[in-house]
Amino acid sequence: MSMTPNEVEEIVKKTIDAMDGHSKSFWVDPEKHYKSHDRLDKLLDVFDGAQSVAMKTLVGAMVLGGLILAAISMGFKK
């Protein structure tokens, strides 16, 4: 199915008109968009910090558990 240049141009104009009419309902204020990204960046920073604290806690618990097991095993040898 081949289209003439005039048909293509007509479809392009109709598409642009349709998109222009609908784009108003999806318009996001640039300042609001920027602030949303800023909040997301802060949220990711908090998540990274919590992840770091959780990892340090887990490693600390493993080290403590190892020391406790070593102490218990030394107590049984006496």
Protein backbone atom coordinates (compact mmCIF):
# COMPACT_ATOMS: atom_id res chain seq x y z
CA MET A 1 0.00 0.00 0.00
CA SER A 2 1.65 3.12 -1.24
CA MET A 3 0.73 6.62 -0.09
CA THR A 4 1.11 9.84 -1.96
CA PRO A 5 3.13 12.67 -0.42
CA ASN A 6 -0.09 14.65 0.10
CA GLU A 7 -1.64 11.77 2.07
CA VAL A 8 1.47 11.47 4.21
CA GLU A 9 1.47 15.22 4.86
CA GLU A 10 -2.21 15.11 5.83
CA ILE A 11 -1.61 12.26 8.28
CA VAL A 12 1.36 14.09 9.78
CA LYS A 13 -0.71 17.25 10.29
CA LYS A 14 -3.54 15.28 11.90
CA THR A 15 -1.10 13.47 14.18
CA ILE A 16 0.55 16.72 15.26
CA ASP A 17 -2.85 18.32 15.92
CA ALA A 18 -3.98 15.31 17.96
CA MET A 19 -0.77 15.26 19.98
CA ASP A 20 -0.90 19.00 20.58
CA GLY A 21 -4.42 18.77 21.95
CA HIS A 22 -3.57 15.91 24.30
CA SER A 23 -0.19 17.14 25.43
CA LYS A 24 -1.76 19.82 27.62
CA SER A 25 -3.24 17.14 29.90
CA PHE A 26 0.17 15.47 30.27
CA TRP A 27 2.17 18.66 30.69
CA VAL A 28 4.54 18.60 33.66
CA ASP A 29 5.83 21.87 34.99
CA PRO A 30 9.63 21.90 34.57
CA GLU A 31 10.17 23.15 38.14
CA LYS A 32 7.97 20.39 39.54
CA HIS A 33 9.81 17.85 37.39
CA TYR A 34 13.17 19.07 38.71
CA LYS A 35 11.98 18.94 42.32
CA SER A 36 10.71 15.39 41.79
CA HIS A 37 14.15 14.32 40.60
CA ASP A 38 15.74 16.10 43.55
CA ARG A 39 13.49 14.19 45.97
CA LEU A 40 14.25 10.91 44.22
CA ASP A 41 17.99 11.61 44.51
CA LYS A 42 17.58 12.25 48.25
CA LEU A 43 15.56 9.04 48.61
CA LEU A 44 18.27 7.06 46.83
CA ASP A 45 20.92 8.61 49.11
CA VAL A 46 18.91 7.53 52.17
CA PHE A 47 18.54 4.03 50.70
CA ASP A 48 22.30 3.82 50.05
CA GLY A 49 23.00 4.93 53.62
CA ALA A 50 20.59 2.37 55.06
CA GLN A 51 22.09 -0.33 52.88
CA SER A 52 25.57 0.57 54.16
CA VAL A 53 24.42 0.49 57.80
CA ALA A 54 22.68 -2.86 57.27
CA MET A 55 25.81 -4.34 55.71
CA LYS A 56 28.02 -3.09 58.55
CA THR A 57 25.56 -4.53 61.08
CA LEU A 58 25.53 -7.89 59.31
CA VAL A 59 29.32 -8.06 59.12
CA GLY A 60 29.59 -7.01 62.77
CA ALA A 61 27.13 -9.72 63.81
CA MET A 62 29.09 -12.32 61.86
CA VAL A 63 32.38 -11.27 63.48
CA LEU A 64 30.77 -11.30 66.93
CA GLY A 65 29.27 -14.74 66.24
CA GLY A 66 32.68 -16.02 65.17
CA LEU A 67 34.28 -14.69 68.35
CA ILE A 68 31.55 -16.28 70.47
CA LEU A 69 31.97 -19.62 68.70
CA ALA A 70 35.75 -19.41 69.15
CA ALA A 71 35.32 -18.66 72.85
CA ILE A 72 32.89 -21.57 73.26
CA SER A 73 35.22 -23.96 71.46
CA MET A 74 38.16 -22.84 73.63
CA GLY A 75 36.06 -23.45 76.74
CA PHE A 76 35.29 -27.03 75.72
CA LYS A 77 39.00 -27.84 75.21
CA LYS A 78 39.92 -27.19 78.84
